[in-house]
Amino acid sequence: MSEVVLYEADDGVAVITLNRPERLNAWTGELGTGYFDALDRAGADPDVRAIVVTGAGRGFCAGADMDNLQGISSGQREGSDAPRMRAERHDYALSIPKPVVAAVNGACAGLGFVHAMMCDVRFAAEGAKFTSAFVRRGLIAEHGVAWMLPRVVGPSNALDILMSGRVFLAEEAKEMGVVSRVVPADELLETAVSYARDLGRFSAPWSMAQIKGQVWSQLDMERSEALEESNALMRESLRRPDFKEGVQSFVEQRDPNFEPVVADS
């Protein structure tokens, strides 16, 4: 695992930390490789039931490293390979069959904003700054964020965020639905990890994986198709041992012991 990405797993929760604090965790090819590898590691570990992503120091991720962007804009590097951003994987967190929680501790801009939006749930520190930034660099809404953002906050808020490129704070982010919770900075990681730990403690991993898949895939389905898929999954869930365990643990007033889930290799 690269030093620019830290990984720690304990009590069912993997914490992935973007670790270039001197650059506000600006995105590079090396950091991207480390991040995706960390997601793979968490996805393959049956003891990990939920994932928290955060940044070291004062920022979550300030976007693509400016040295790379300057190299591209000056013509010294080709945009396709210089930053090695592996664009095809920027929505990779959506494919992990485990909940991914972003703990946005500070500056969340550009590509960092994309990766926060690709997490399933977002918490933010009070006063954390958000911006899509792309339009102010002469770019478009990159790496799938134009698909994701209106589905989370609605078209009007999405267009405001993407067309203005303005900075907005965590408190406004919560009003728009960009984040679910805003907490004091010194409580952020503890809050996110506690939430993730509760998911792993009380929620069936298979159920969470199916629900995550339902939410993201059914956004583009017709209602009848989504209903048919949900009914099929419901019939399957009723036959699984998790259902019996969920009922029995409730009757016995104890924590459930659900089966683990791992990502497909």
Protein backbone atom coordinates (compact mmCIF):
# COMPACT_ATOMS: atom_id res chain seq x y z
CA MET A 1 0.00 0.00 0.00
CA SER A 2 1.41 3.39 -0.98
CA GLU A 3 2.25 5.87 1.79
CA VAL A 4 0.00 8.43 0.09
CA VAL A 5 -2.97 6.28 1.11
CA LEU A 6 -3.27 4.86 4.63
CA TYR A 7 -5.38 1.83 5.50
CA GLU A 8 -6.57 0.64 8.88
CA ALA A 9 -9.24 -1.95 9.66
CA ASP A 10 -10.71 -2.58 13.09
CA ASP A 11 -14.00 -3.83 14.50
CA GLY A 12 -15.61 -4.29 11.09
CA VAL A 13 -14.66 -0.87 9.68
CA ALA A 14 -11.88 -0.05 7.21
CA VAL A 15 -10.66 3.56 7.34
CA ILE A 16 -8.99 4.75 4.13
CA THR A 17 -7.08 8.01 4.51
CA LEU A 18 -5.83 10.09 1.58
CA ASN A 19 -2.39 11.08 2.84
CA ARG A 20 -0.82 14.04 1.03
CA PRO A 21 -1.61 16.63 3.70
CA GLU A 22 1.03 19.07 2.47
CA ARG A 23 -0.95 19.29 -0.81
CA LEU A 24 -4.42 19.05 0.76
CA ASN A 25 -4.45 15.45 -0.52
CA ALA A 26 -4.49 16.57 -4.15
CA TRP A 27 -5.10 13.67 -6.51
CA THR A 28 -2.24 12.04 -8.44
CA GLY A 29 -1.93 8.76 -10.28
CA GLU A 30 -0.11 7.28 -7.31
CA LEU A 31 -2.80 8.38 -4.88
CA GLY A 32 -5.52 7.06 -7.20
CA THR A 33 -3.84 3.68 -7.46
CA GLY A 34 -3.49 3.51 -3.69
CA TYR A 35 -7.11 4.50 -3.16
CA PHE A 36 -8.54 1.95 -5.57
CA ASP A 37 -6.26 -0.75 -4.16
CA ALA A 38 -7.48 0.11 -0.66
CA LEU A 39 -11.09 -0.22 -1.79
CA ASP A 40 -10.22 -3.61 -3.29
CA ARG A 41 -8.60 -4.67 -0.02
CA ALA A 42 -11.63 -3.64 2.03
CA GLY A 43 -14.02 -5.22 -0.43
CA ALA A 44 -12.21 -8.56 -0.29
CA ASP A 45 -11.92 -8.70 3.50
CA PRO A 46 -14.85 -10.62 5.04
CA ASP A 47 -14.18 -8.94 8.39
CA VAL A 48 -14.75 -5.48 6.89
CA ARG A 49 -18.43 -4.61 6.76
CA ALA A 50 -18.25 -0.86 6.08
CA ILE A 51 -15.68 1.62 4.78
CA VAL A 52 -14.86 5.20 5.81
CA VAL A 53 -12.89 7.51 3.49
CA THR A 54 -11.27 10.67 4.83
CA GLY A 55 -8.27 12.95 4.33
CA ALA A 56 -5.18 13.64 6.39
CA GLY A 57 -4.60 17.14 7.72
CA ARG A 58 -6.79 20.10 6.77
CA GLY A 59 -8.31 18.77 3.56
CA PHE A 60 -10.33 15.90 2.19
CA CYS A 61 -9.02 16.23 -1.37
CA ALA A 62 -8.33 19.52 -3.15
CA GLY A 63 -8.80 17.99 -6.61
CA ALA A 64 -6.26 17.04 -9.23
CA ASP A 65 -2.72 18.03 -8.37
CA MET A 66 -2.06 21.45 -9.93
CA ASP A 67 1.39 20.43 -11.20
CA ASN A 68 -0.30 17.81 -13.38
CA LEU A 69 -2.90 20.29 -14.60
CA GLN A 70 -0.24 22.85 -15.47
CA GLY A 71 1.67 20.24 -17.41
CA ILE A 72 -1.42 19.36 -19.44
CA SER A 73 -2.44 22.98 -20.09
CA SER A 74 1.07 23.88 -21.27
CA GLY A 75 1.13 20.97 -23.70
CA GLN A 76 4.06 19.31 -21.95
CA ARG A 77 1.93 16.29 -21.04
CA GLU A 78 -0.95 14.53 -22.68
CA GLY A 79 -4.20 14.71 -20.76
CA SER A 80 -4.82 11.02 -21.32
CA ASP A 81 -1.82 9.74 -19.44
CA ALA A 82 0.01 12.49 -17.57
CA PRO A 83 -2.01 12.48 -14.35
CA ARG A 84 -2.87 8.79 -14.84
CA MET A 85 -6.22 9.38 -13.20
CA ARG A 86 -7.71 6.10 -14.47
CA ALA A 87 -10.98 7.83 -15.30
CA GLU A 88 -12.73 4.55 -15.89
CA ARG A 89 -12.60 3.85 -12.15
CA HIS A 90 -13.69 7.14 -10.64
CA ASP A 91 -17.07 5.62 -9.80
CA TYR A 92 -15.41 2.51 -8.39
CA ALA A 93 -16.71 3.02 -4.84
CA LEU A 94 -20.22 2.42 -6.21
CA SER A 95 -19.26 -1.11 -7.24
CA ILE A 96 -17.98 -2.16 -3.80
CA PRO A 97 -20.73 -4.28 -2.16
CA LYS A 98 -20.24 -2.53 1.17
CA PRO A 99 -21.32 0.91 2.38
CA VAL A 100 -18.72 3.63 1.75
CA VAL A 101 -18.95 6.68 4.02
CA ALA A 102 -17.05 9.88 3.22
CA ALA A 103 -15.84 11.87 6.22
CA VAL A 104 -15.16 15.23 4.57
CA ASN A 105 -12.80 16.92 6.99
CA GLY A 106 -11.86 19.97 4.92
CA ALA A 107 -11.37 21.23 1.37
CA CYS A 108 -13.32 19.05 -1.06
CA ALA A 109 -12.81 20.30 -4.61
CA GLY A 110 -12.83 19.12 -8.20
CA LEU A 111 -11.86 15.48 -8.37
CA GLY A 112 -12.09 15.30 -4.59
CA PHE A 113 -15.70 16.44 -4.87
CA VAL A 114 -16.30 13.70 -7.45
CA HIS A 115 -14.98 11.02 -5.14
CA ALA A 116 -16.97 12.30 -2.19
CA MET A 117 -20.12 12.15 -4.33
CA MET A 118 -19.31 8.58 -5.38
CA CYS A 119 -19.48 7.49 -1.74
CA ASP A 120 -22.82 6.21 -0.49
CA VAL A 121 -23.11 8.58 2.49
CA ARG A 122 -21.27 11.81 3.31
CA PHE A 123 -20.57 13.46 6.66
CA ALA A 124 -18.76 16.80 6.86
CA ALA A 125 -16.89 18.85 9.42
CA GLU A 126 -18.35 22.22 10.31
CA GLY A 127 -17.07 24.83 7.87
CA ALA A 128 -15.65 22.33 5.38
CA LYS A 129 -15.43 23.92 1.92
CA PHE A 130 -16.89 22.32 -1.20
CA THR A 131 -16.55 23.27 -4.87
CA SER A 132 -16.87 21.41 -8.16
CA ALA A 133 -14.32 23.87 -9.64
CA PHE A 134 -14.29 22.35 -13.15
CA VAL A 135 -16.03 25.20 -14.93
CA ARG A 136 -13.53 27.70 -13.50
CA ARG A 137 -10.70 25.74 -15.13
CA GLY A 138 -12.41 25.68 -18.51
CA LEU A 139 -13.48 22.06 -18.06
CA ILE A 140 -16.75 20.14 -18.01
CA ALA A 141 -18.36 18.19 -15.18
CA GLU A 142 -15.94 15.27 -15.16
CA HIS A 143 -15.89 11.61 -14.27
CA GLY A 144 -19.60 10.96 -13.83
CA VAL A 145 -20.41 13.77 -11.40
CA ALA A 146 -22.99 15.22 -13.84
CA TRP A 147 -24.80 11.87 -13.61
CA MET A 148 -24.52 11.52 -9.86
CA LEU A 149 -25.08 15.03 -8.52
CA PRO A 150 -28.62 15.72 -9.85
CA ARG A 151 -29.69 12.33 -8.55
CA VAL A 152 -28.54 13.33 -5.07
CA VAL A 153 -29.50 17.01 -4.89
CA GLY A 154 -31.85 17.57 -7.84
CA PRO A 155 -31.14 19.24 -11.22
CA SER A 156 -31.38 22.86 -10.02
CA ASN A 157 -28.92 22.48 -7.15
CA ALA A 158 -26.65 20.37 -9.35
CA LEU A 159 -26.57 23.03 -12.07
CA ASP A 160 -25.88 25.72 -9.47
CA ILE A 161 -22.92 23.74 -8.10
CA LEU A 162 -21.54 22.71 -11.49
CA MET A 163 -22.10 25.87 -13.57
CA SER A 164 -20.95 28.36 -10.94
CA GLY A 165 -18.02 26.41 -9.53
CA ARG A 166 -18.55 28.49 -6.41
CA VAL A 167 -17.35 27.57 -2.95
CA PHE A 168 -20.03 26.54 -0.47
CA LEU A 169 -19.68 25.40 3.12
CA ALA A 170 -20.73 22.22 4.86
CA GLU A 171 -23.82 23.84 6.33
CA GLU A 172 -25.17 24.75 2.86
CA ALA A 173 -24.08 21.34 1.60
CA LYS A 174 -26.38 19.77 4.17
CA GLU A 175 -29.28 22.03 3.15
CA MET A 176 -28.87 20.92 -0.47
CA GLY A 177 -28.43 17.26 0.42
CA VAL A 178 -24.78 16.97 -0.59
CA VAL A 179 -24.01 15.69 2.92
CA SER A 180 -26.16 13.94 5.50
CA ARG A 181 -24.62 15.30 8.68
CA VAL A 182 -22.43 18.21 9.78
CA VAL A 183 -20.50 17.75 13.01
CA PRO A 184 -17.64 19.55 14.81
CA ALA A 185 -14.30 18.84 13.13
CA ASP A 186 -12.86 17.05 16.15
CA GLU A 187 -15.86 14.67 16.19
CA LEU A 188 -16.07 13.94 12.47
CA LEU A 189 -14.02 10.78 12.10
CA GLU A 190 -15.35 9.28 15.33
CA THR A 191 -18.91 10.00 14.19
CA ALA A 192 -18.37 8.46 10.74
CA VAL A 193 -16.63 5.38 12.13
CA SER A 194 -19.33 4.92 14.79
CA TYR A 195 -22.00 5.10 12.10
CA ALA A 196 -20.10 2.60 9.92
CA ARG A 197 -19.59 0.30 12.90
CA ASP A 198 -23.32 0.33 13.64
CA LEU A 199 -24.01 -0.64 10.03
CA GLY A 200 -21.70 -3.60 10.41
CA ARG A 201 -23.17 -4.52 13.78
CA PHE A 202 -26.88 -4.38 13.04
CA SER A 203 -27.34 -4.54 9.24
CA ALA A 204 -26.95 -7.70 7.16
CA PRO A 205 -24.00 -7.29 4.75
CA TRP A 206 -25.83 -9.12 1.96
CA SER A 207 -28.88 -6.91 2.44
CA MET A 208 -26.77 -3.74 2.38
CA ALA A 209 -25.03 -4.90 -0.81
CA GLN A 210 -28.36 -5.58 -2.52
CA ILE A 211 -29.89 -2.29 -1.36
CA LYS A 212 -26.85 -0.36 -2.58
CA GLY A 213 -27.17 -2.06 -5.95
CA GLN A 214 -30.92 -1.39 -6.04
CA VAL A 215 -30.58 2.31 -5.30
CA TRP A 216 -27.93 3.01 -7.93
CA SER A 217 -29.14 0.67 -10.68
CA GLN A 218 -32.85 1.41 -10.32
CA LEU A 219 -32.38 5.14 -10.87
CA ASP A 220 -32.40 4.40 -14.60
CA MET A 221 -35.07 1.70 -14.59
CA GLU A 222 -38.74 1.91 -15.39
CA ARG A 223 -40.89 1.55 -12.27
CA SER A 224 -42.25 -1.81 -13.37
CA GLU A 225 -38.75 -3.17 -14.02
CA ALA A 226 -37.52 -1.94 -10.63
CA LEU A 227 -40.52 -3.50 -8.91
CA GLU A 228 -39.93 -6.82 -10.65
CA GLU A 229 -36.28 -6.83 -9.65
CA SER A 230 -37.11 -5.90 -6.05
CA ASN A 231 -39.72 -8.63 -5.78
CA ALA A 232 -37.21 -11.22 -7.03
CA LEU A 233 -34.61 -10.04 -4.52
CA MET A 234 -37.21 -10.12 -1.75
CA ARG A 235 -38.07 -13.74 -2.54
CA GLU A 236 -34.38 -14.59 -2.44
CA SER A 237 -33.86 -12.77 0.87
CA LEU A 238 -36.71 -14.71 2.48
CA ARG A 239 -34.86 -17.94 1.70
CA ARG A 240 -31.53 -16.81 3.09
CA PRO A 241 -30.21 -17.71 6.57
CA ASP A 242 -29.80 -13.97 7.29
CA PHE A 243 -33.59 -13.65 7.41
CA LYS A 244 -33.91 -16.38 9.99
CA GLU A 245 -31.04 -14.88 12.00
CA GLY A 246 -32.54 -11.40 11.81
CA VAL A 247 -35.87 -12.60 13.22
CA GLN A 248 -34.27 -14.84 15.83
CA SER A 249 -31.89 -12.15 17.10
CA PHE A 250 -34.83 -9.76 17.49
CA VAL A 251 -36.85 -12.33 19.44
CA GLU A 252 -33.84 -13.15 21.63
CA GLN A 253 -32.97 -9.45 22.04
CA ARG A 254 -29.34 -9.83 20.96
CA ASP A 255 -27.12 -8.51 18.19
CA PRO A 256 -27.49 -10.47 14.94
CA ASN A 257 -24.72 -12.65 13.56
CA PHE A 258 -25.08 -12.15 9.82
CA GLU A 259 -22.97 -13.75 7.09
CA PRO A 260 -20.10 -11.63 5.69
CA VAL A 261 -19.89 -10.39 2.09
CA VAL A 262 -16.83 -9.98 -0.11
CA ALA A 263 -16.43 -8.30 -3.48
CA ASP A 264 -16.17 -10.46 -6.56
CA SER A 265 -12.54 -10.92 -7.61
